[in-house]
């Protein structure tokens, strides 16, 4: 199963980009042994529309256009579920075992995600009720994906 990340907005060079790269590299090296590959990280520009609803709709269209056909759609949204790392890893392992070709994780723009996209998702996740900058969310997601692979492979990185 391939894992893709689609994010609205461009991450500038700096420590956040370095951390995302570090965890994505670890995921790409560790995942294939257990049937999980890192596909791609896709950045789409933020909409410049004047209204929030139009911005969210345009960004949702850009996400749909960038997404691979089929597979699981997982959105990061403040109203989503907050599973622990082991439950998150179990979901990824179940999707893989059920034959999902890919899992696409989406980080929306500053205004959030369009309601139509939320309705299409297979899972909506939250990293808690706190508001996080989008660049930090990318780091958190990349680390949790790597952590999930280590949990599924029995690697001691994760301690409960």
N, C-alpha and C. Protein backbone atom coordinates (compact mmCIF):
# COMPACT_ATOMS: atom_id res chain seq x y z
N UNK A 1 0.85 -1.17 0.00
CA UNK A 1 0.00 0.00 0.00
C UNK A 1 0.90 1.23 0.00
N UNK A 2 0.56 2.18 -0.86
CA UNK A 2 1.31 3.44 -0.91
C UNK A 2 0.62 4.49 -0.05
N UNK A 3 1.45 5.31 0.59
CA UNK A 3 0.95 6.41 1.40
C UNK A 3 1.36 7.71 0.73
N UNK A 4 0.37 8.55 0.46
CA UNK A 4 0.59 9.89 -0.09
C UNK A 4 0.14 10.91 0.94
N UNK A 5 0.77 12.08 0.89
CA UNK A 5 0.36 13.23 1.69
C UNK A 5 0.09 14.37 0.72
N UNK A 6 -1.09 14.96 0.83
CA UNK A 6 -1.42 16.16 0.05
C UNK A 6 -1.61 17.29 1.05
N UNK A 7 -0.93 18.40 0.83
CA UNK A 7 -1.01 19.54 1.74
C UNK A 7 -1.27 20.81 0.94
N UNK A 8 -2.15 21.63 1.47
CA UNK A 8 -2.39 22.95 0.89
C UNK A 8 -1.35 23.89 1.48
N UNK A 9 -0.66 24.59 0.61
CA UNK A 9 0.39 25.51 1.03
C UNK A 9 1.76 24.89 0.85
N UNK A 10 2.74 25.73 0.66
CA UNK A 10 4.12 25.29 0.43
C UNK A 10 4.91 25.45 1.71
N UNK A 11 5.63 24.41 2.07
CA UNK A 11 6.49 24.45 3.24
C UNK A 11 7.84 25.02 2.84
N UNK A 12 8.22 26.13 3.46
CA UNK A 12 9.50 26.77 3.14
C UNK A 12 10.65 25.96 3.74
N UNK A 13 11.84 26.21 3.23
CA UNK A 13 13.00 25.51 3.80
C UNK A 13 13.19 25.97 5.24
N UNK A 14 13.68 25.06 6.04
CA UNK A 14 13.88 25.35 7.44
C UNK A 14 13.71 24.09 8.26
N UNK A 15 13.67 24.22 9.59
CA UNK A 15 13.65 23.05 10.45
C UNK A 15 12.41 22.16 10.27
N UNK A 16 11.26 22.75 9.97
CA UNK A 16 10.06 21.94 9.77
C UNK A 16 10.22 21.05 8.54
N UNK A 17 10.71 21.63 7.44
CA UNK A 17 10.91 20.86 6.21
C UNK A 17 11.93 19.74 6.46
N UNK A 18 12.98 20.06 7.22
CA UNK A 18 14.00 19.05 7.53
C UNK A 18 13.41 17.90 8.34
N UNK A 19 12.56 18.21 9.31
CA UNK A 19 11.94 17.15 10.12
C UNK A 19 10.98 16.30 9.28
N UNK A 20 10.18 16.93 8.44
CA UNK A 20 9.28 16.17 7.57
C UNK A 20 10.10 15.24 6.70
N UNK A 21 11.15 15.76 6.11
CA UNK A 21 12.02 14.96 5.25
C UNK A 21 12.63 13.79 6.02
N UNK A 22 13.08 14.04 7.22
CA UNK A 22 13.68 12.98 8.04
C UNK A 22 12.70 11.83 8.27
N UNK A 23 11.46 12.16 8.69
CA UNK A 23 10.49 11.10 8.98
C UNK A 23 9.98 10.42 7.71
N UNK A 24 9.83 11.17 6.64
CA UNK A 24 9.42 10.56 5.38
C UNK A 24 10.52 9.61 4.88
N UNK A 25 11.77 9.99 5.01
CA UNK A 25 12.88 9.11 4.62
C UNK A 25 12.88 7.83 5.45
N UNK A 26 12.65 7.96 6.74
CA UNK A 26 12.59 6.78 7.61
C UNK A 26 11.42 5.87 7.21
N UNK A 27 10.27 6.49 6.93
CA UNK A 27 9.11 5.73 6.48
C UNK A 27 9.41 5.01 5.18
N UNK A 28 10.02 5.70 4.24
CA UNK A 28 10.33 5.12 2.93
C UNK A 28 11.30 3.94 3.05
N UNK A 29 12.21 3.99 4.01
CA UNK A 29 13.18 2.90 4.20
C UNK A 29 12.60 1.74 4.99
N UNK A 30 11.74 2.02 5.97
CA UNK A 30 11.22 0.98 6.85
C UNK A 30 9.94 0.32 6.35
N UNK A 31 9.13 1.05 5.63
CA UNK A 31 7.81 0.57 5.24
C UNK A 31 7.76 -0.61 4.28
N UNK A 32 8.60 -0.65 3.24
CA UNK A 32 8.48 -1.73 2.25
C UNK A 32 8.57 -3.14 2.83
N UNK A 33 9.31 -3.33 3.89
CA UNK A 33 9.44 -4.65 4.50
C UNK A 33 8.11 -5.19 5.02
N UNK A 34 7.16 -4.28 5.30
CA UNK A 34 5.85 -4.71 5.79
C UNK A 34 4.72 -4.33 4.83
N UNK A 35 5.09 -4.04 3.58
CA UNK A 35 4.08 -3.78 2.56
C UNK A 35 3.53 -2.37 2.53
N UNK A 36 4.28 -1.42 3.06
CA UNK A 36 3.86 -0.02 3.05
C UNK A 36 4.96 0.81 2.41
N UNK A 37 4.60 1.56 1.39
CA UNK A 37 5.56 2.41 0.69
C UNK A 37 5.14 3.87 0.81
N UNK A 38 6.12 4.75 0.85
CA UNK A 38 5.79 6.17 0.77
C UNK A 38 5.72 6.53 -0.70
N UNK A 39 4.59 7.10 -1.11
CA UNK A 39 4.41 7.49 -2.50
C UNK A 39 4.95 8.87 -2.78
N UNK A 40 4.25 9.87 -2.30
CA UNK A 40 4.63 11.24 -2.62
C UNK A 40 4.02 12.24 -1.65
N UNK A 41 4.67 13.38 -1.56
CA UNK A 41 4.15 14.51 -0.82
C UNK A 41 3.84 15.58 -1.86
N UNK A 42 2.58 15.96 -1.94
CA UNK A 42 2.12 16.90 -2.95
C UNK A 42 1.69 18.19 -2.26
N UNK A 43 2.25 19.29 -2.71
CA UNK A 43 1.85 20.60 -2.19
C UNK A 43 1.02 21.30 -3.24
N UNK A 44 -0.11 21.83 -2.83
CA UNK A 44 -0.98 22.60 -3.70
C UNK A 44 -1.09 24.01 -3.14
N UNK A 45 -1.10 25.01 -4.02
CA UNK A 45 -1.15 26.39 -3.50
C UNK A 45 -2.47 26.70 -2.82
N UNK A 46 -2.39 27.62 -1.87
CA UNK A 46 -3.60 28.11 -1.22
C UNK A 46 -4.42 28.90 -2.23
N UNK A 47 -5.73 28.77 -2.15
CA UNK A 47 -6.61 29.55 -3.02
C UNK A 47 -6.50 31.02 -2.64
N UNK A 48 -6.62 31.88 -3.63
CA UNK A 48 -6.59 33.34 -3.41
C UNK A 48 -7.99 33.95 -3.53
N UNK A 49 -9.02 33.11 -3.56
CA UNK A 49 -10.39 33.61 -3.68
C UNK A 49 -10.73 34.51 -2.49
N UNK A 50 -11.67 35.43 -2.72
CA UNK A 50 -11.99 36.41 -1.68
C UNK A 50 -12.88 35.87 -0.57
N UNK A 51 -13.67 34.83 -0.82
CA UNK A 51 -14.54 34.30 0.23
C UNK A 51 -14.02 32.96 0.74
N UNK A 52 -14.28 32.71 2.01
CA UNK A 52 -13.84 31.47 2.64
C UNK A 52 -14.43 30.26 1.94
N UNK A 53 -15.72 30.30 1.65
CA UNK A 53 -16.37 29.13 1.03
C UNK A 53 -15.77 28.83 -0.34
N UNK A 54 -15.46 29.86 -1.11
CA UNK A 54 -14.85 29.65 -2.43
C UNK A 54 -13.43 29.11 -2.28
N UNK A 55 -12.68 29.65 -1.33
CA UNK A 55 -11.31 29.14 -1.09
C UNK A 55 -11.35 27.66 -0.74
N UNK A 56 -12.24 27.28 0.17
CA UNK A 56 -12.33 25.88 0.59
C UNK A 56 -12.74 24.98 -0.58
N UNK A 57 -13.67 25.45 -1.39
CA UNK A 57 -14.13 24.66 -2.55
C UNK A 57 -13.00 24.50 -3.57
N UNK A 58 -12.27 25.57 -3.86
CA UNK A 58 -11.16 25.50 -4.81
C UNK A 58 -10.05 24.58 -4.31
N UNK A 59 -9.76 24.67 -3.03
CA UNK A 59 -8.73 23.80 -2.46
C UNK A 59 -9.17 22.34 -2.47
N UNK A 60 -10.45 22.09 -2.20
CA UNK A 60 -10.98 20.71 -2.28
C UNK A 60 -10.84 20.17 -3.70
N UNK A 61 -11.11 21.00 -4.70
CA UNK A 61 -10.96 20.56 -6.09
C UNK A 61 -9.50 20.24 -6.40
N UNK A 62 -8.58 21.04 -5.88
CA UNK A 62 -7.14 20.79 -6.10
C UNK A 62 -6.72 19.49 -5.42
N UNK A 63 -7.26 19.21 -4.27
CA UNK A 63 -6.96 17.96 -3.55
C UNK A 63 -7.48 16.78 -4.36
N UNK A 64 -8.71 16.87 -4.83
CA UNK A 64 -9.29 15.77 -5.63
C UNK A 64 -8.46 15.51 -6.88
N UNK A 65 -8.01 16.58 -7.52
CA UNK A 65 -7.22 16.43 -8.76
C UNK A 65 -5.86 15.78 -8.49
N UNK A 66 -5.30 16.00 -7.31
CA UNK A 66 -3.97 15.47 -6.99
C UNK A 66 -4.03 14.05 -6.45
N UNK A 67 -5.19 13.64 -5.99
CA UNK A 67 -5.33 12.34 -5.33
C UNK A 67 -5.29 11.18 -6.32
N UNK A 68 -4.66 10.11 -5.91
CA UNK A 68 -4.66 8.88 -6.70
C UNK A 68 -6.07 8.29 -6.66
N UNK A 69 -6.44 7.62 -7.73
CA UNK A 69 -7.76 6.99 -7.79
C UNK A 69 -7.88 5.89 -6.75
N UNK A 70 -9.07 5.77 -6.18
CA UNK A 70 -9.33 4.70 -5.23
C UNK A 70 -8.57 4.89 -3.94
N UNK A 71 -8.53 3.86 -3.14
CA UNK A 71 -7.79 3.92 -1.89
C UNK A 71 -8.54 4.67 -0.81
N UNK A 72 -7.89 4.84 0.29
CA UNK A 72 -8.46 5.50 1.46
C UNK A 72 -8.15 6.99 1.44
N UNK A 73 -9.10 7.78 1.89
CA UNK A 73 -8.93 9.22 2.00
C UNK A 73 -9.02 9.58 3.48
N UNK A 74 -7.93 10.09 4.02
CA UNK A 74 -7.85 10.43 5.44
C UNK A 74 -7.57 11.92 5.55
N UNK A 75 -8.46 12.63 6.21
CA UNK A 75 -8.34 14.08 6.33
C UNK A 75 -7.93 14.46 7.75
N UNK A 76 -7.11 15.49 7.86
CA UNK A 76 -6.77 16.04 9.16
C UNK A 76 -7.64 17.27 9.39
N UNK A 77 -8.42 17.23 10.45
CA UNK A 77 -9.38 18.29 10.74
C UNK A 77 -9.60 18.34 12.24
N UNK A 78 -9.78 19.53 12.77
CA UNK A 78 -9.93 19.67 14.21
C UNK A 78 -11.13 18.90 14.78
N UNK A 79 -12.11 18.59 13.95
CA UNK A 79 -13.29 17.85 14.41
C UNK A 79 -13.15 16.35 14.27
N UNK A 80 -11.96 15.88 13.90
CA UNK A 80 -11.76 14.45 13.66
C UNK A 80 -11.53 13.65 14.93
N UNK A 81 -11.37 12.35 14.74
CA UNK A 81 -11.09 11.43 15.84
C UNK A 81 -9.65 11.62 16.31
N UNK A 82 -9.41 11.25 17.56
CA UNK A 82 -8.07 11.38 18.14
C UNK A 82 -7.59 10.02 18.66
N UNK A 83 -7.27 9.10 17.76
CA UNK A 83 -6.82 7.79 18.21
C UNK A 83 -5.41 7.87 18.78
N UNK A 84 -5.04 6.87 19.55
CA UNK A 84 -3.66 6.75 20.00
C UNK A 84 -2.82 6.20 18.85
N UNK A 85 -1.52 6.22 19.02
CA UNK A 85 -0.61 5.77 17.97
C UNK A 85 -0.83 4.31 17.60
N UNK A 86 -1.10 3.45 18.58
CA UNK A 86 -1.30 2.03 18.28
C UNK A 86 -2.59 1.80 17.49
N UNK A 87 -3.66 2.53 17.82
CA UNK A 87 -4.91 2.40 17.06
C UNK A 87 -4.73 2.94 15.64
N UNK A 88 -3.99 4.03 15.51
CA UNK A 88 -3.69 4.59 14.19
C UNK A 88 -2.92 3.58 13.35
N UNK A 89 -1.91 2.96 13.95
CA UNK A 89 -1.13 1.94 13.24
C UNK A 89 -2.02 0.76 12.86
N UNK A 90 -2.92 0.36 13.75
CA UNK A 90 -3.82 -0.76 13.47
C UNK A 90 -4.71 -0.44 12.27
N UNK A 91 -5.20 0.80 12.17
CA UNK A 91 -6.01 1.19 11.00
C UNK A 91 -5.21 1.05 9.72
N UNK A 92 -3.98 1.55 9.73
CA UNK A 92 -3.14 1.48 8.54
C UNK A 92 -2.87 0.02 8.18
N UNK A 93 -2.56 -0.80 9.17
CA UNK A 93 -2.33 -2.22 8.93
C UNK A 93 -3.56 -2.91 8.38
N UNK A 94 -4.73 -2.55 8.88
CA UNK A 94 -5.98 -3.16 8.39
C UNK A 94 -6.25 -2.78 6.95
N UNK A 95 -6.03 -1.50 6.61
CA UNK A 95 -6.22 -1.07 5.22
C UNK A 95 -5.30 -1.86 4.29
N UNK A 96 -4.03 -1.98 4.70
CA UNK A 96 -3.06 -2.74 3.92
C UNK A 96 -3.53 -4.18 3.76
N UNK A 97 -3.93 -4.80 4.86
CA UNK A 97 -4.35 -6.21 4.84
C UNK A 97 -5.62 -6.42 4.03
N UNK A 98 -6.48 -5.41 3.99
CA UNK A 98 -7.71 -5.49 3.20
C UNK A 98 -7.47 -5.22 1.72
N UNK A 99 -6.23 -4.90 1.36
CA UNK A 99 -5.89 -4.72 -0.05
C UNK A 99 -6.01 -3.32 -0.59
N UNK A 100 -6.08 -2.31 0.28
CA UNK A 100 -6.12 -0.92 -0.22
C UNK A 100 -4.82 -0.65 -0.98
N UNK A 101 -4.96 -0.08 -2.18
CA UNK A 101 -3.78 0.25 -2.98
C UNK A 101 -3.03 1.44 -2.43
N UNK A 102 -3.77 2.39 -1.88
CA UNK A 102 -3.13 3.58 -1.34
C UNK A 102 -3.97 4.20 -0.23
N UNK A 103 -3.31 5.05 0.53
CA UNK A 103 -3.96 5.85 1.56
C UNK A 103 -3.44 7.27 1.39
N UNK A 104 -4.36 8.19 1.17
CA UNK A 104 -3.99 9.59 0.96
C UNK A 104 -4.38 10.39 2.19
N UNK A 105 -3.39 11.02 2.80
CA UNK A 105 -3.59 11.87 3.97
C UNK A 105 -3.59 13.32 3.51
N UNK A 106 -4.56 14.11 3.98
CA UNK A 106 -4.75 15.47 3.50
C UNK A 106 -4.69 16.47 4.64
N UNK A 107 -3.86 17.50 4.44
CA UNK A 107 -3.78 18.65 5.34
C UNK A 107 -4.33 19.83 4.57
N UNK A 108 -5.45 20.37 5.03
CA UNK A 108 -6.11 21.46 4.32
C UNK A 108 -5.44 22.80 4.54
N UNK A 109 -6.06 23.81 3.98
CA UNK A 109 -5.56 25.17 4.09
C UNK A 109 -5.94 25.82 5.41
N UNK A 110 -5.61 27.08 5.54
CA UNK A 110 -5.83 27.82 6.78
C UNK A 110 -7.31 27.92 7.16
N UNK A 111 -8.20 27.84 6.17
CA UNK A 111 -9.63 27.95 6.44
C UNK A 111 -10.27 26.61 6.74
N UNK A 112 -9.49 25.54 6.67
CA UNK A 112 -10.05 24.21 6.90
C UNK A 112 -10.44 23.54 5.59
N UNK A 113 -11.19 22.47 5.72
CA UNK A 113 -11.59 21.66 4.56
C UNK A 113 -13.05 21.87 4.21
N UNK A 114 -13.33 21.78 2.93
CA UNK A 114 -14.69 21.91 2.44
C UNK A 114 -15.54 20.75 2.95
N UNK A 115 -16.80 21.04 3.30
CA UNK A 115 -17.70 20.02 3.85
C UNK A 115 -17.87 18.84 2.89
N UNK A 116 -17.86 19.09 1.59
CA UNK A 116 -18.03 18.00 0.63
C UNK A 116 -16.86 17.02 0.70
N UNK A 117 -15.68 17.52 0.93
CA UNK A 117 -14.51 16.65 1.05
C UNK A 117 -14.58 15.85 2.36
N UNK A 118 -15.02 16.47 3.43
CA UNK A 118 -15.18 15.77 4.70
C UNK A 118 -16.16 14.60 4.55
N UNK A 119 -17.21 14.79 3.76
CA UNK A 119 -18.19 13.72 3.55
C UNK A 119 -17.60 12.56 2.74
N UNK A 120 -16.60 12.82 1.91
CA UNK A 120 -15.98 11.78 1.08
C UNK A 120 -14.94 10.97 1.84
N UNK A 121 -14.50 11.44 2.99
CA UNK A 121 -13.36 10.81 3.66
C UNK A 121 -13.72 9.46 4.27
N UNK A 122 -12.72 8.60 4.34
CA UNK A 122 -12.86 7.33 5.02
C UNK A 122 -12.59 7.49 6.51
N UNK A 123 -11.79 8.49 6.85
CA UNK A 123 -11.44 8.76 8.24
C UNK A 123 -11.03 10.22 8.35
N UNK A 124 -11.47 10.87 9.42
CA UNK A 124 -11.04 12.22 9.71
C UNK A 124 -10.33 12.19 11.06
N UNK A 125 -9.08 12.66 11.05
CA UNK A 125 -8.23 12.65 12.24
C UNK A 125 -7.99 14.05 12.77
N UNK A 126 -7.73 14.12 14.06
CA UNK A 126 -7.33 15.38 14.69
C UNK A 126 -6.12 15.11 15.57
N UNK A 127 -5.23 16.08 15.63
CA UNK A 127 -4.10 15.99 16.55
C UNK A 127 -4.43 16.77 17.83
N UNK A 128 -5.69 16.77 18.19
CA UNK A 128 -6.13 17.40 19.43
C UNK A 128 -6.90 18.68 19.15
N UNK A 129 -7.42 19.25 20.20
CA UNK A 129 -8.25 20.44 20.08
C UNK A 129 -7.45 21.73 19.95
N UNK A 130 -6.14 21.65 20.17
CA UNK A 130 -5.31 22.83 20.00
C UNK A 130 -5.19 23.18 18.52
N UNK A 131 -4.96 24.43 18.23
CA UNK A 131 -4.73 24.85 16.85
C UNK A 131 -3.24 24.76 16.58
N UNK A 132 -2.88 24.04 15.51
CA UNK A 132 -1.47 23.84 15.14
C UNK A 132 -1.18 24.54 13.82
N UNK A 133 -0.02 25.15 13.67
CA UNK A 133 0.37 25.69 12.37
C UNK A 133 0.49 24.52 11.38
N UNK A 134 0.14 24.78 10.13
CA UNK A 134 0.14 23.71 9.13
C UNK A 134 1.51 23.07 8.96
N UNK A 135 2.58 23.85 9.11
CA UNK A 135 3.91 23.25 8.96
C UNK A 135 4.21 22.27 10.09
N UNK A 136 3.69 22.52 11.27
CA UNK A 136 3.88 21.60 12.40
C UNK A 136 3.03 20.35 12.20
N UNK A 137 1.84 20.52 11.65
CA UNK A 137 0.97 19.36 11.38
C UNK A 137 1.66 18.40 10.41
N UNK A 138 2.38 18.93 9.44
CA UNK A 138 3.12 18.05 8.52
C UNK A 138 4.15 17.22 9.25
N UNK A 139 4.86 17.86 10.19
CA UNK A 139 5.85 17.13 10.98
C UNK A 139 5.16 16.05 11.81
N UNK A 140 4.08 16.41 12.49
CA UNK A 140 3.35 15.45 13.32
C UNK A 140 2.85 14.28 12.50
N UNK A 141 2.28 14.55 11.32
CA UNK A 141 1.77 13.48 10.47
C UNK A 141 2.89 12.57 9.99
N UNK A 142 3.98 13.16 9.50
CA UNK A 142 5.10 12.34 9.01
C UNK A 142 5.65 11.47 10.13
N UNK A 143 5.78 12.01 11.32
CA UNK A 143 6.29 11.22 12.44
C UNK A 143 5.32 10.10 12.80
N UNK A 144 4.03 10.38 12.84
CA UNK A 144 3.06 9.35 13.19
C UNK A 144 2.97 8.25 12.13
N UNK A 145 3.16 8.60 10.88
CA UNK A 145 3.19 7.56 9.84
C UNK A 145 4.42 6.67 10.02
N UNK A 146 5.57 7.28 10.30
CA UNK A 146 6.76 6.49 10.57
C UNK A 146 6.55 5.63 11.82
N UNK A 147 5.98 6.21 12.86
CA UNK A 147 5.73 5.48 14.10
C UNK A 147 4.79 4.29 13.83
N UNK A 148 3.78 4.49 13.01
CA UNK A 148 2.85 3.40 12.68
C UNK A 148 3.59 2.24 12.04
N UNK A 149 4.50 2.55 11.12
CA UNK A 149 5.28 1.50 10.47
C UNK A 149 6.14 0.75 11.50
N UNK A 150 6.73 1.49 12.45
CA UNK A 150 7.55 0.81 13.46
C UNK A 150 6.70 -0.06 14.38
N UNK A 151 5.50 0.40 14.70
CA UNK A 151 4.59 -0.40 15.53
C UNK A 151 4.21 -1.68 14.78
N UNK A 152 3.84 -1.55 13.51
CA UNK A 152 3.42 -2.71 12.73
C UNK A 152 4.56 -3.71 12.51
N UNK A 153 5.79 -3.22 12.51
CA UNK A 153 6.93 -4.12 12.28
C UNK A 153 7.55 -4.64 13.58
N UNK A 154 7.04 -4.17 14.73
CA UNK A 154 7.57 -4.62 16.00
C UNK A 154 8.88 -3.95 16.41
N UNK A 155 9.22 -2.86 15.75
CA UNK A 155 10.44 -2.11 16.07
C UNK A 155 10.25 -1.40 17.42
N UNK A 156 11.29 -1.27 18.23
CA UNK A 156 11.15 -0.68 19.55
C UNK A 156 11.06 0.86 19.61
N UNK A 157 10.93 1.53 18.46
CA UNK A 157 10.84 3.00 18.45
C UNK A 157 9.69 3.47 19.34
N UNK A 158 8.54 2.81 19.24
CA UNK A 158 7.36 3.21 20.01
C UNK A 158 7.37 2.53 21.38
N UNK A 159 7.15 3.32 22.40
CA UNK A 159 7.04 2.77 23.76
C UNK A 159 5.71 3.17 24.32
N UNK A 160 5.00 2.21 24.84
CA UNK A 160 3.67 2.47 25.39
C UNK A 160 3.75 2.57 26.89
